[in-house]
N, C-alpha and C. Protein backbone atom coordinates (compact mmCIF):
# COMPACT_ATOMS: atom_id res chain seq x y z
N MET A 1 31.85 2.30 -3.92
CA MET A 1 29.87 2.38 -3.61
C MET A 1 30.03 0.91 -2.84
N ARG A 2 30.72 -0.07 -3.71
CA ARG A 2 30.33 -1.42 -3.56
C ARG A 2 30.96 -1.84 -1.81
N ALA A 3 31.87 -1.23 -1.57
CA ALA A 3 32.56 -1.12 -0.28
C ALA A 3 31.90 -0.40 0.89
N VAL A 4 31.44 0.84 0.50
CA VAL A 4 30.25 1.25 1.60
C VAL A 4 29.17 0.19 1.66
N ALA A 5 28.64 -0.21 0.65
CA ALA A 5 27.61 -0.82 0.75
C ALA A 5 27.56 -2.35 1.32
N TRP A 6 28.86 -2.81 1.36
CA TRP A 6 29.63 -4.05 1.83
C TRP A 6 29.53 -3.67 3.63
N LEU A 7 29.96 -2.88 3.63
CA LEU A 7 30.21 -2.32 5.37
C LEU A 7 29.13 -2.27 5.55
N TRP A 8 28.14 -1.52 5.16
CA TRP A 8 26.84 -1.37 5.84
C TRP A 8 26.22 -2.41 5.86
N ASP A 9 26.40 -3.61 5.34
CA ASP A 9 25.44 -4.93 5.47
C ASP A 9 26.22 -5.65 6.39
N LEU A 10 27.64 -5.29 6.54
CA LEU A 10 28.14 -6.00 7.83
C LEU A 10 27.97 -5.12 9.01
N LEU A 11 27.50 -4.49 9.03
CA LEU A 11 27.76 -3.78 10.57
C LEU A 11 25.70 -3.44 10.56
N PHE A 12 25.30 -3.73 9.70
CA PHE A 12 23.48 -3.86 9.72
C PHE A 12 23.01 -4.72 8.59
N PRO A 13 23.54 -6.18 9.34
CA PRO A 13 22.78 -7.18 7.77
C PRO A 13 21.58 -7.17 7.64
N PRO A 14 21.27 -7.52 6.61
CA PRO A 14 19.88 -7.16 6.19
C PRO A 14 18.91 -8.60 6.48
N LYS A 15 17.81 -8.38 6.71
CA LYS A 15 16.95 -9.00 7.16
C LYS A 15 15.61 -9.09 6.11
N CYS A 16 15.16 -10.78 6.26
CA CYS A 16 13.85 -10.67 5.22
C CYS A 16 12.76 -9.62 5.98
N ALA A 17 12.23 -9.06 4.92
CA ALA A 17 10.89 -8.65 5.75
C ALA A 17 9.76 -9.04 6.53
N PHE A 18 9.41 -10.41 6.23
CA PHE A 18 8.66 -11.46 6.59
C PHE A 18 8.61 -12.51 8.18
N CYS A 19 10.20 -12.60 8.05
CA CYS A 19 10.57 -13.60 9.14
C CYS A 19 11.65 -13.73 10.12
N GLY A 20 12.40 -12.10 9.40
CA GLY A 20 13.41 -11.73 10.06
C GLY A 20 14.69 -12.42 10.15
N ARG A 21 15.04 -13.23 9.82
CA ARG A 21 16.25 -14.00 9.34
C ARG A 21 17.10 -12.89 8.64
N VAL A 22 18.19 -12.96 8.85
CA VAL A 22 19.50 -12.81 8.36
C VAL A 22 19.62 -13.21 6.82
N LEU A 23 19.85 -11.99 5.78
CA LEU A 23 20.02 -12.70 4.62
C LEU A 23 21.23 -12.57 4.37
N GLU A 24 21.70 -13.24 3.38
CA GLU A 24 23.48 -13.15 2.41
C GLU A 24 23.28 -12.42 1.99
N GLU A 25 22.28 -11.35 1.35
CA GLU A 25 22.81 -9.99 0.96
C GLU A 25 21.76 -9.37 1.02
N SER A 26 20.86 -8.57 0.39
CA SER A 26 20.15 -7.54 0.34
C SER A 26 19.70 -7.46 -0.15
N GLY A 27 19.54 -7.82 -1.75
CA GLY A 27 18.83 -8.73 -2.58
C GLY A 27 17.45 -7.75 -2.85
N THR A 28 16.24 -8.86 -2.18
CA THR A 28 14.98 -8.44 -2.48
C THR A 28 14.52 -8.33 -1.20
N GLY A 29 15.00 -8.32 -0.10
CA GLY A 29 15.05 -8.26 1.11
C GLY A 29 13.87 -9.29 1.78
N ILE A 30 13.31 -10.56 0.95
CA ILE A 30 12.64 -11.50 1.25
C ILE A 30 13.91 -13.18 1.08
N CYS A 31 13.60 -13.79 2.29
CA CYS A 31 14.70 -14.93 2.41
C CYS A 31 13.63 -15.99 0.92
N PRO A 32 14.50 -17.16 1.07
CA PRO A 32 13.84 -17.65 -0.08
C PRO A 32 12.81 -18.47 0.57
N GLY A 33 12.72 -18.83 1.84
CA GLY A 33 11.64 -19.56 2.52
C GLY A 33 10.84 -19.01 2.59
N CYS A 34 10.51 -17.91 2.55
CA CYS A 34 8.98 -16.48 2.93
C CYS A 34 8.77 -16.86 1.40
N ARG A 35 9.57 -16.52 0.71
CA ARG A 35 9.44 -16.59 -0.65
C ARG A 35 8.54 -17.75 -1.28
N ASP A 36 8.79 -18.99 -0.62
CA ASP A 36 7.80 -19.75 -1.56
C ASP A 36 6.66 -20.23 -0.51
N ALA A 37 6.76 -19.81 0.68
CA ALA A 37 5.75 -20.35 1.60
C ALA A 37 4.73 -19.02 1.96
N LEU A 38 5.07 -17.56 1.30
CA LEU A 38 4.38 -16.46 2.05
C LEU A 38 2.63 -17.02 1.08
N PRO A 39 1.37 -16.57 1.82
CA PRO A 39 0.45 -16.62 1.24
C PRO A 39 -0.07 -15.78 0.14
N VAL A 40 0.26 -16.07 -1.13
CA VAL A 40 0.09 -15.64 -2.00
C VAL A 40 -1.18 -15.53 -3.02
N THR A 41 -1.77 -14.72 -3.59
CA THR A 41 -3.04 -14.67 -4.14
C THR A 41 -3.58 -15.08 -5.10
N GLY A 42 -2.38 -15.50 -6.07
CA GLY A 42 -2.35 -16.10 -7.55
C GLY A 42 -2.45 -15.13 -8.62
N ASP A 43 -1.91 -15.53 -9.74
CA ASP A 43 -1.78 -14.69 -10.90
C ASP A 43 -2.80 -13.68 -11.10
N GLY A 44 -4.31 -14.18 -11.07
CA GLY A 44 -5.33 -13.75 -12.01
C GLY A 44 -6.15 -13.06 -10.65
N TYR A 45 -5.42 -12.94 -9.63
CA TYR A 45 -6.75 -12.51 -8.66
C TYR A 45 -6.82 -11.17 -8.57
N ARG A 46 -8.36 -10.82 -8.38
CA ARG A 46 -8.79 -9.54 -8.42
C ARG A 46 -10.06 -9.36 -7.12
N ARG A 47 -9.83 -8.13 -6.96
CA ARG A 47 -11.21 -8.13 -6.21
C ARG A 47 -12.12 -6.87 -5.91
N LYS A 48 -13.28 -6.82 -5.81
CA LYS A 48 -14.01 -5.85 -6.53
C LYS A 48 -14.72 -5.05 -5.24
N ALA A 49 -14.42 -3.38 -5.77
CA ALA A 49 -14.98 -2.65 -4.70
C ALA A 49 -15.70 -1.38 -4.85
N ASP A 50 -16.16 -1.01 -4.25
CA ASP A 50 -16.98 0.32 -4.91
C ASP A 50 -16.12 1.51 -5.04
N PHE A 51 -16.62 1.86 -6.29
CA PHE A 51 -16.10 2.98 -6.91
C PHE A 51 -14.72 2.68 -7.54
N LEU A 52 -14.26 1.56 -7.96
CA LEU A 52 -12.61 1.29 -8.19
C LEU A 52 -12.82 0.27 -9.08
N GLN A 53 -12.32 0.18 -10.47
CA GLN A 53 -12.49 -0.41 -11.50
C GLN A 53 -11.62 -2.43 -10.82
N THR A 54 -10.82 -2.38 -10.28
CA THR A 54 -10.47 -3.30 -9.64
C THR A 54 -9.65 -3.26 -8.39
N VAL A 55 -9.13 -3.98 -8.00
CA VAL A 55 -8.37 -4.32 -6.72
C VAL A 55 -7.33 -5.38 -6.69
N VAL A 56 -6.04 -4.95 -6.33
CA VAL A 56 -5.09 -5.99 -6.66
C VAL A 56 -4.04 -6.08 -5.86
N ALA A 57 -3.60 -7.44 -5.22
CA ALA A 57 -2.47 -7.63 -3.90
C ALA A 57 -1.93 -8.87 -4.22
N PRO A 58 -0.68 -8.85 -4.14
CA PRO A 58 0.34 -9.85 -4.39
C PRO A 58 -0.22 -10.85 -3.11
N LEU A 59 -0.41 -10.59 -1.91
CA LEU A 59 -0.43 -11.37 -0.39
C LEU A 59 -1.70 -11.53 0.22
N TYR A 60 -1.88 -12.21 0.70
CA TYR A 60 -3.33 -12.36 1.61
C TYR A 60 -2.59 -11.76 2.99
N TYR A 61 -3.86 -11.06 3.72
CA TYR A 61 -3.22 -10.54 5.05
C TYR A 61 -3.44 -11.64 6.63
N GLU A 62 -2.28 -12.28 6.22
CA GLU A 62 -2.44 -13.47 7.14
C GLU A 62 -1.23 -14.01 7.30
N GLY A 63 -0.64 -14.73 8.89
CA GLY A 63 0.48 -15.03 9.25
C GLY A 63 2.05 -14.53 9.31
N ALA A 64 2.77 -14.13 8.77
CA ALA A 64 3.87 -13.94 8.22
C ALA A 64 3.82 -12.63 7.73
N VAL A 65 2.76 -12.30 7.02
CA VAL A 65 2.73 -11.20 6.20
C VAL A 65 1.73 -10.26 6.90
N ARG A 66 1.16 -10.54 7.96
CA ARG A 66 -0.03 -9.98 9.06
C ARG A 66 1.37 -9.29 10.01
N ARG A 67 2.06 -9.99 10.44
CA ARG A 67 2.87 -9.92 11.26
C ARG A 67 4.15 -8.68 11.16
N SER A 68 4.47 -8.75 9.90
CA SER A 68 5.30 -8.07 9.34
C SER A 68 4.67 -6.57 9.00
N LEU A 69 3.36 -7.01 8.36
CA LEU A 69 2.36 -5.12 8.44
C LEU A 69 2.51 -4.27 9.51
N LEU A 70 2.20 -5.63 10.61
CA LEU A 70 2.31 -4.79 11.98
C LEU A 70 3.16 -4.46 12.67
N ARG A 71 4.83 -4.70 12.52
CA ARG A 71 5.85 -4.09 12.73
C ARG A 71 6.19 -2.63 11.95
N TYR A 72 5.96 -3.00 10.33
CA TYR A 72 5.90 -2.00 9.38
C TYR A 72 4.79 -0.36 9.78
N LYS A 73 3.75 -0.89 10.33
CA LYS A 73 2.99 0.36 10.71
C LYS A 73 3.17 0.83 12.35
N PHE A 74 2.82 0.02 13.16
CA PHE A 74 3.16 0.44 14.61
C PHE A 74 4.48 0.05 15.28
N GLN A 75 5.40 -0.21 14.58
CA GLN A 75 6.65 -0.69 15.86
C GLN A 75 8.02 0.06 14.91
N GLY A 76 7.89 1.13 13.91
CA GLY A 76 8.84 1.81 13.29
C GLY A 76 9.38 1.30 12.22
N VAL A 77 9.13 0.41 11.75
CA VAL A 77 9.82 -0.40 10.84
C VAL A 77 9.89 0.25 9.55
N SER A 78 10.22 1.38 9.30
CA SER A 78 9.20 1.84 7.72
C SER A 78 10.30 1.28 6.35
N SER A 79 11.42 0.59 6.60
CA SER A 79 12.21 0.18 5.58
C SER A 79 11.41 -0.65 4.92
N LEU A 80 10.54 -1.76 5.66
CA LEU A 80 10.00 -2.39 4.86
C LEU A 80 9.63 -2.07 3.67
N ALA A 81 9.28 -1.22 3.71
CA ALA A 81 8.47 -0.50 2.34
C ALA A 81 9.30 -0.76 0.93
N GLU A 82 10.65 -0.71 1.01
CA GLU A 82 11.73 -1.04 0.31
C GLU A 82 11.38 -3.04 -0.14
N ALA A 83 11.33 -4.21 0.50
CA ALA A 83 10.65 -4.81 0.13
C ALA A 83 9.17 -4.90 -0.26
N TYR A 84 8.28 -4.52 -0.23
CA TYR A 84 6.79 -4.52 0.00
C TYR A 84 6.90 -4.11 -1.97
N GLY A 85 7.45 -2.85 -1.90
CA GLY A 85 7.01 -1.96 -3.02
C GLY A 85 7.16 -2.75 -4.15
N PRO A 86 7.73 -3.15 -4.66
CA PRO A 86 8.20 -4.41 -5.77
C PRO A 86 7.34 -5.26 -5.34
N LEU A 87 6.92 -5.90 -4.24
CA LEU A 87 5.88 -7.18 -4.87
C LEU A 87 4.40 -6.25 -5.35
N VAL A 88 4.51 -5.68 -4.81
CA VAL A 88 2.98 -4.74 -5.23
C VAL A 88 2.82 -4.21 -6.51
N ALA A 89 4.35 -3.70 -6.62
CA ALA A 89 4.23 -3.05 -8.32
C ALA A 89 4.52 -4.20 -9.54
N GLY A 90 5.38 -5.21 -9.05
CA GLY A 90 4.71 -6.67 -9.97
C GLY A 90 3.51 -7.04 -10.29
N LYS A 91 2.79 -7.03 -9.06
CA LYS A 91 1.21 -7.45 -9.11
C LYS A 91 0.70 -6.79 -10.30
N VAL A 92 0.49 -5.16 -9.87
CA VAL A 92 0.04 -4.01 -10.93
C VAL A 92 0.53 -4.43 -12.58
N ALA A 93 1.65 -4.59 -12.81
CA ALA A 93 2.35 -4.73 -13.91
C ALA A 93 1.90 -5.98 -14.63
N GLY A 94 1.72 -7.18 -14.10
CA GLY A 94 1.19 -8.42 -14.42
C GLY A 94 -0.33 -8.47 -14.92
N PHE A 95 -1.23 -7.25 -14.53
CA PHE A 95 -2.30 -6.91 -15.51
C PHE A 95 -2.29 -5.53 -16.54
N PRO A 96 -1.64 -6.00 -17.85
CA PRO A 96 -1.94 -4.95 -18.65
C PRO A 96 -2.89 -3.83 -19.05
N ASP A 97 -4.08 -4.56 -18.40
CA ASP A 97 -5.28 -3.68 -18.97
C ASP A 97 -5.51 -2.63 -17.81
N LEU A 98 -4.96 -2.16 -16.51
CA LEU A 98 -4.91 -1.51 -15.70
C LEU A 98 -3.65 -0.58 -15.90
N ALA A 99 -4.50 0.88 -16.97
CA ALA A 99 -3.67 1.58 -17.22
C ALA A 99 -4.17 2.54 -16.17
N PHE A 100 -2.61 3.91 -15.87
CA PHE A 100 -3.35 4.63 -15.08
C PHE A 100 -2.25 5.97 -15.34
N ASP A 101 -2.59 7.05 -15.33
CA ASP A 101 -1.86 8.08 -15.34
C ASP A 101 -0.79 8.58 -14.29
N ARG A 102 -1.48 8.54 -13.22
CA ARG A 102 -0.99 9.09 -11.61
C ARG A 102 -1.16 7.57 -10.70
N ILE A 103 -0.16 8.12 -9.63
CA ILE A 103 -0.13 7.43 -8.45
C ILE A 103 -0.19 8.12 -7.20
N THR A 104 -1.18 7.54 -6.60
CA THR A 104 -1.05 8.14 -4.98
C THR A 104 -1.42 7.24 -3.78
N TRP A 105 -2.37 7.77 -2.89
CA TRP A 105 -1.97 7.00 -1.31
C TRP A 105 -3.28 7.40 -1.00
N VAL A 106 -3.68 6.19 -0.13
CA VAL A 106 -5.05 6.55 0.99
C VAL A 106 -3.86 6.80 2.07
N PRO A 107 -4.10 8.69 2.31
CA PRO A 107 -3.13 9.24 3.37
C PRO A 107 -3.73 9.12 4.69
N LEU A 108 -2.70 9.45 5.89
CA LEU A 108 -3.01 9.03 7.25
C LEU A 108 -3.36 11.10 7.72
N SER A 109 -4.02 11.06 9.03
CA SER A 109 -4.24 12.29 8.93
C SER A 109 -2.84 12.90 9.43
N ARG A 110 -2.82 14.35 9.63
CA ARG A 110 -1.52 14.73 9.96
C ARG A 110 -1.25 14.50 11.21
N ARG A 111 -2.54 14.26 11.94
CA ARG A 111 -1.81 13.83 13.66
C ARG A 111 -1.78 12.94 13.95
N ARG A 112 -2.02 11.73 12.83
CA ARG A 112 -1.51 10.24 13.02
C ARG A 112 -0.36 10.01 12.38
N GLU A 113 -0.43 10.94 11.63
CA GLU A 113 0.86 11.19 10.88
C GLU A 113 2.75 11.42 11.76
N ARG A 114 1.99 12.42 12.52
CA ARG A 114 2.72 12.67 13.60
C ARG A 114 3.34 12.14 14.43
N ARG A 115 2.12 11.47 15.37
CA ARG A 115 2.58 10.23 16.41
C ARG A 115 3.24 8.84 15.63
N ARG A 116 2.96 8.92 14.47
CA ARG A 116 3.67 7.66 13.72
C ARG A 116 4.90 7.76 13.38
N GLY A 117 4.91 9.30 12.90
CA GLY A 117 6.63 9.10 12.18
C GLY A 117 6.54 9.30 10.88
N TYR A 118 5.60 8.80 10.15
CA TYR A 118 5.79 8.48 8.84
C TYR A 118 4.51 8.20 8.15
N ASP A 119 3.87 8.06 7.12
CA ASP A 119 2.79 7.61 6.79
C ASP A 119 3.23 6.68 5.88
N GLN A 120 2.81 5.56 6.20
CA GLN A 120 3.18 3.92 5.82
C GLN A 120 2.80 3.85 4.33
N ALA A 121 1.58 4.32 3.94
CA ALA A 121 1.01 4.31 2.79
C ALA A 121 1.76 5.01 1.75
N ARG A 122 1.90 5.97 1.81
CA ARG A 122 3.08 7.26 1.33
C ARG A 122 4.48 6.54 1.16
N LEU A 123 4.96 5.57 1.63
CA LEU A 123 6.26 5.18 1.69
C LEU A 123 6.01 3.61 1.10
N LEU A 124 4.92 3.40 0.77
CA LEU A 124 4.72 2.26 -0.03
C LEU A 124 4.56 2.60 -1.74
N ALA A 125 3.84 3.67 -1.66
CA ALA A 125 3.20 3.90 -3.18
C ALA A 125 4.52 4.82 -3.60
N GLU A 126 5.47 5.47 -2.92
CA GLU A 126 6.87 5.59 -3.44
C GLU A 126 7.92 5.18 -3.90
N VAL A 127 7.97 3.48 -3.17
CA VAL A 127 8.20 2.38 -3.70
C VAL A 127 7.95 1.79 -4.72
N VAL A 128 6.86 1.41 -4.76
CA VAL A 128 5.73 0.92 -6.12
C VAL A 128 5.88 2.13 -7.18
N ALA A 129 5.59 3.44 -7.15
CA ALA A 129 6.23 3.93 -8.47
C ALA A 129 7.55 4.20 -8.47
N ARG A 130 8.38 4.09 -8.20
CA ARG A 130 9.93 3.90 -8.33
C ARG A 130 10.22 2.55 -8.99
N SER A 131 9.41 1.51 -8.61
CA SER A 131 9.78 0.35 -9.36
C SER A 131 8.85 -0.27 -10.92
N LEU A 132 7.72 1.19 -10.75
CA LEU A 132 7.10 1.69 -12.26
C LEU A 132 7.69 2.29 -13.37
N GLU A 133 8.70 3.09 -12.40
CA GLU A 133 9.17 3.99 -13.00
C GLU A 133 8.55 5.60 -13.35
N ARG A 134 7.90 5.25 -12.11
CA ARG A 134 7.07 6.39 -11.98
C ARG A 134 7.20 7.33 -10.31
N GLU A 135 6.10 8.47 -10.61
CA GLU A 135 6.21 9.47 -9.33
C GLU A 135 5.35 8.99 -8.74
N ALA A 136 4.88 9.13 -7.57
CA ALA A 136 3.37 9.33 -6.49
C ALA A 136 3.39 10.66 -6.39
N GLU A 137 2.32 11.06 -6.30
CA GLU A 137 1.72 12.60 -5.97
C GLU A 137 0.41 12.50 -4.95
N PRO A 138 0.84 13.58 -3.75
CA PRO A 138 -0.22 13.78 -2.71
C PRO A 138 -1.60 14.00 -3.53
N LEU A 139 -2.64 13.44 -3.77
CA LEU A 139 -3.69 13.84 -4.42
C LEU A 139 -5.02 14.11 -3.42
N LEU A 140 -4.69 13.28 -2.30
CA LEU A 140 -5.58 13.40 -1.09
C LEU A 140 -5.21 13.48 -0.20
N GLU A 141 -5.96 14.27 0.83
CA GLU A 141 -5.61 14.28 2.31
C GLU A 141 -6.64 14.04 3.22
N LYS A 142 -6.28 13.55 4.17
CA LYS A 142 -7.24 13.01 5.10
C LYS A 142 -7.40 14.14 6.26
N VAL A 143 -9.25 14.66 6.57
CA VAL A 143 -9.35 15.80 6.81
C VAL A 143 -9.99 15.56 8.23
N ARG A 144 -10.00 14.37 8.63
CA ARG A 144 -10.71 13.89 9.80
C ARG A 144 -10.34 12.87 10.60
N ASP A 145 -9.31 13.20 12.05
CA ASP A 145 -8.99 11.99 12.39
C ASP A 145 -10.21 10.99 12.80
N VAL A 146 -9.94 9.84 12.73
CA VAL A 146 -11.30 9.20 13.26
C VAL A 146 -10.56 7.85 13.88
N PRO A 147 -11.33 6.99 14.66
CA PRO A 147 -10.73 5.40 15.24
C PRO A 147 -10.32 4.66 14.03
N PRO A 148 -9.09 3.95 14.40
CA PRO A 148 -8.75 3.13 13.30
C PRO A 148 -9.80 1.85 12.94
N GLN A 149 -9.87 1.80 11.52
CA GLN A 149 -10.87 1.18 11.00
C GLN A 149 -10.88 -0.03 11.37
N SER A 150 -9.97 -0.88 11.90
CA SER A 150 -9.85 -2.23 12.51
C SER A 150 -10.84 -2.42 13.46
N GLY A 151 -10.92 -1.20 14.22
CA GLY A 151 -12.07 -1.31 15.56
C GLY A 151 -13.42 -1.04 15.33
N ALA A 152 -13.71 -1.00 13.76
CA ALA A 152 -14.76 0.23 13.68
C ALA A 152 -15.77 -0.87 13.66
N GLY A 153 -15.43 -2.34 13.50
CA GLY A 153 -16.76 -3.73 13.14
C GLY A 153 -17.15 -3.67 12.12
N SER A 154 -18.31 -3.61 11.64
CA SER A 154 -19.12 -4.40 10.56
C SER A 154 -18.20 -3.56 9.15
N PRO A 155 -18.89 -4.54 8.00
CA PRO A 155 -18.70 -3.31 7.03
C PRO A 155 -19.12 -1.86 6.78
N GLU A 156 -20.24 -2.03 7.39
CA GLU A 156 -21.69 -1.20 7.61
C GLU A 156 -20.92 0.27 8.21
N LYS A 157 -20.68 -0.49 9.38
CA LYS A 157 -19.80 0.79 10.64
C LYS A 157 -18.43 1.33 9.62
N ARG A 158 -17.75 0.80 9.02
CA ARG A 158 -16.42 1.07 8.80
C ARG A 158 -16.37 2.06 7.36
N ARG A 159 -18.22 1.82 6.92
CA ARG A 159 -17.50 2.90 5.53
C ARG A 159 -18.70 4.15 6.14
N ALA A 160 -19.12 4.16 7.40
CA ALA A 160 -19.67 4.81 8.24
C ALA A 160 -18.57 5.82 8.95
N ASN A 161 -17.60 4.99 9.50
CA ASN A 161 -16.44 5.75 10.34
C ASN A 161 -15.66 6.63 9.80
N ILE A 162 -15.80 6.15 8.16
CA ILE A 162 -14.77 6.74 7.15
C ILE A 162 -15.08 7.88 6.45
N SER A 163 -16.46 7.28 6.15
CA SER A 163 -17.04 8.94 5.27
C SER A 163 -16.70 10.18 5.69
N GLY A 164 -16.72 10.93 4.32
CA GLY A 164 -16.30 12.34 4.40
C GLY A 164 -15.00 12.80 5.10
N CYS A 165 -14.35 11.69 5.04
CA CYS A 165 -12.41 11.95 5.73
C CYS A 165 -11.96 12.47 4.85
N TYR A 166 -11.82 12.64 3.65
CA TYR A 166 -10.99 12.85 2.33
C TYR A 166 -11.56 13.84 1.67
N ARG A 167 -10.37 14.15 1.43
CA ARG A 167 -10.78 15.62 0.10
C ARG A 167 -9.52 15.60 -0.72
N VAL A 168 -9.77 15.58 -2.07
CA VAL A 168 -8.90 16.45 -3.36
C VAL A 168 -7.83 17.32 -2.47
N ARG A 169 -6.47 17.29 -2.29
CA ARG A 169 -5.85 18.51 -2.90
C ARG A 169 -5.61 18.96 -3.99
N ARG A 170 -5.63 18.43 -5.42
CA ARG A 170 -4.97 19.04 -6.43
C ARG A 170 -6.04 18.31 -7.84
N PRO A 171 -7.28 19.26 -7.37
CA PRO A 171 -8.57 19.12 -8.56
C PRO A 171 -7.58 18.87 -10.26
N ASP A 172 -7.33 19.63 -10.29
CA ASP A 172 -6.58 20.09 -11.68
C ASP A 172 -5.85 18.70 -11.85
N ARG A 173 -5.39 17.86 -11.05
CA ARG A 173 -4.26 16.74 -11.27
C ARG A 173 -5.48 15.50 -11.44
N VAL A 174 -6.23 15.52 -10.97
CA VAL A 174 -7.23 14.17 -10.97
C VAL A 174 -8.19 14.55 -12.04
N ALA A 175 -8.77 15.43 -12.68
CA ALA A 175 -9.70 15.58 -13.71
C ALA A 175 -9.10 14.84 -15.00
N GLY A 176 -10.23 13.80 -15.14
CA GLY A 176 -9.48 12.93 -16.37
C GLY A 176 -8.59 11.82 -16.49
N ALA A 177 -8.14 11.86 -14.95
CA ALA A 177 -7.09 11.30 -14.79
C ALA A 177 -7.54 9.58 -14.45
N ARG A 178 -6.57 8.55 -14.77
CA ARG A 178 -6.55 7.32 -14.61
C ARG A 178 -5.68 7.00 -13.40
N ILE A 179 -6.26 6.60 -11.84
CA ILE A 179 -5.27 6.91 -10.75
C ILE A 179 -5.21 4.98 -10.37
N LEU A 180 -3.88 5.25 -10.10
CA LEU A 180 -3.37 3.64 -9.33
C LEU A 180 -3.53 4.92 -7.34
N LEU A 181 -4.34 3.87 -6.78
CA LEU A 181 -4.27 4.58 -5.42
C LEU A 181 -4.11 2.83 -4.75
N VAL A 182 -2.46 3.46 -3.70
CA VAL A 182 -2.12 2.73 -3.38
C VAL A 182 -2.19 2.24 -1.87
N ASP A 183 -2.59 1.39 -1.33
CA ASP A 183 -2.63 1.14 0.65
C ASP A 183 -1.85 0.12 1.12
N ASP A 184 -1.50 0.04 2.23
CA ASP A 184 -1.03 -1.15 2.47
C ASP A 184 -1.56 -2.43 2.89
N ILE A 185 -2.77 -2.23 3.20
CA ILE A 185 -3.50 -3.16 3.75
C ILE A 185 -5.21 -3.15 3.35
N VAL A 186 -6.00 -4.00 2.30
CA VAL A 186 -7.41 -3.86 1.82
C VAL A 186 -7.91 -5.23 2.80
N THR A 187 -9.11 -4.68 3.79
CA THR A 187 -9.93 -5.51 4.36
C THR A 187 -10.71 -5.78 3.69
N THR A 188 -12.25 -4.89 4.01
CA THR A 188 -13.42 -4.98 4.08
C THR A 188 -13.38 -3.73 2.74
N GLY A 189 -12.62 -3.04 2.29
CA GLY A 189 -12.44 -2.24 1.13
C GLY A 189 -12.85 -0.99 1.31
N ALA A 190 -13.41 -0.62 2.53
CA ALA A 190 -14.35 0.79 2.60
C ALA A 190 -13.39 1.77 2.63
N THR A 191 -12.19 2.16 2.90
CA THR A 191 -11.29 3.06 3.05
C THR A 191 -10.94 3.26 1.98
N MET A 192 -10.68 2.19 0.76
CA MET A 192 -10.05 2.37 -0.26
C MET A 192 -11.18 3.21 -1.34
N SER A 193 -12.43 2.54 -1.11
CA SER A 193 -13.32 2.73 -1.81
C SER A 193 -13.96 4.17 -1.63
N GLU A 194 -13.57 4.70 -0.42
CA GLU A 194 -13.90 6.32 0.19
C GLU A 194 -13.01 7.40 -0.53
N CYS A 195 -11.56 6.83 -0.55
CA CYS A 195 -10.79 7.62 -1.06
C CYS A 195 -11.24 7.31 -3.00
N ALA A 196 -11.71 6.57 -3.32
CA ALA A 196 -11.91 6.32 -4.84
C ALA A 196 -13.07 6.85 -5.33
N ARG A 197 -14.35 6.96 -4.34
CA ARG A 197 -14.91 7.94 -4.19
C ARG A 197 -15.18 9.59 -4.01
N VAL A 198 -14.46 9.96 -3.82
CA VAL A 198 -13.65 11.12 -3.66
C VAL A 198 -13.00 11.52 -4.89
N LEU A 199 -12.22 10.80 -5.09
CA LEU A 199 -11.74 11.15 -6.87
C LEU A 199 -11.90 11.25 -7.99
N MET A 200 -13.13 10.05 -7.55
CA MET A 200 -14.29 10.20 -9.53
C MET A 200 -15.06 11.13 -9.15
N LEU A 201 -15.49 11.83 -7.87
CA LEU A 201 -16.31 13.11 -7.82
C LEU A 201 -15.43 14.00 -8.57
N ALA A 202 -14.20 13.86 -8.16
CA ALA A 202 -13.44 15.34 -8.91
C ALA A 202 -12.86 15.22 -9.89
N GLY A 203 -13.33 14.09 -11.09
CA GLY A 203 -13.73 13.81 -12.54
C GLY A 203 -12.40 13.16 -12.79
N ALA A 204 -11.92 12.22 -11.67
CA ALA A 204 -11.26 11.03 -12.13
C ALA A 204 -11.90 10.07 -13.26
N GLU A 205 -11.14 9.59 -14.30
CA GLU A 205 -11.62 8.57 -15.16
C GLU A 205 -11.92 7.42 -14.54
N ALA A 206 -10.76 7.05 -13.84
CA ALA A 206 -10.79 6.11 -13.44
C ALA A 206 -10.04 5.30 -12.05
N VAL A 207 -10.18 4.72 -11.34
CA VAL A 207 -9.06 4.54 -9.87
C VAL A 207 -9.09 2.75 -9.87
N VAL A 208 -8.10 2.75 -10.16
CA VAL A 208 -7.70 0.90 -9.64
C VAL A 208 -6.60 0.99 -8.28
N GLY A 209 -7.18 0.25 -7.28
CA GLY A 209 -6.65 -0.34 -5.98
C GLY A 209 -5.60 -0.84 -6.12
N ALA A 210 -4.47 -1.21 -5.23
CA ALA A 210 -3.38 -1.70 -5.47
C ALA A 210 -2.85 -1.72 -3.91
N ALA A 211 -2.74 -2.70 -3.18
CA ALA A 211 -2.01 -2.59 -1.69
C ALA A 211 -0.74 -4.34 -1.94
N LEU A 212 -0.27 -4.30 -0.49
CA LEU A 212 0.20 -5.38 -0.30
C LEU A 212 -0.47 -6.58 -0.13
N ALA A 213 -1.80 -5.97 0.77
CA ALA A 213 -2.31 -7.64 1.54
C ALA A 213 -3.39 -6.99 1.16
N CYS A 214 -4.54 -8.29 1.32
CA CYS A 214 -5.79 -8.32 1.55
C CYS A 214 -6.44 -9.29 2.17
N GLY A 215 -7.43 -8.85 3.00
CA GLY A 215 -8.26 -10.32 3.24
C GLY A 215 -8.88 -10.89 2.52
N ARG A 216 -9.35 -12.60 3.05
CA ARG A 216 -9.97 -13.58 1.92
C ARG A 216 -10.93 -13.47 2.25
N GLU A 217 -11.87 -13.21 0.93
CA GLU A 217 -13.10 -12.66 0.80
C GLU A 217 -14.21 -13.82 0.88
């Protein structure tokens, strides 16, 4: 197996998820320079959002982080989830009070997933779950395809844009559960809040949000 991994790295050398430099070995998927320079949120960083107990993220959505996430979402570089997931999992594990029974994600609509070829939040949630020795479950579905939140405008317009778009797929798995809800980016928090609202209406005990990156408040 080591020989196979060596040959794979020779043919397809691993690159840093944030700057694209070739790495000496696969490792974490992040070069030492980026690990020192990334815009981290800090050990105690949390943010508030409606219907969520709290939201945590290891990085701010700016600079190299923003460029990397745009490649991940819109240029088909789905493999970046392998570098992102442990960062999110480490942030979640750093808050022992964030108890949860289940892990799920903010889903794409079927139409957008078909067009993109994958659901980036699902891939991230699966790596986060694996890093935490858990499993991710599809507890939500997006039933309406609406314009992207990035172009919706003000926080109020974003909330209106996303209202009524999600529903619970497995109410029996949600009722009484504490849920970790994963997404790639949180800016205003409107999308994650809407998903949490739907989960709480279905009987969830609590919802905690986690993302790779967030906007500065």
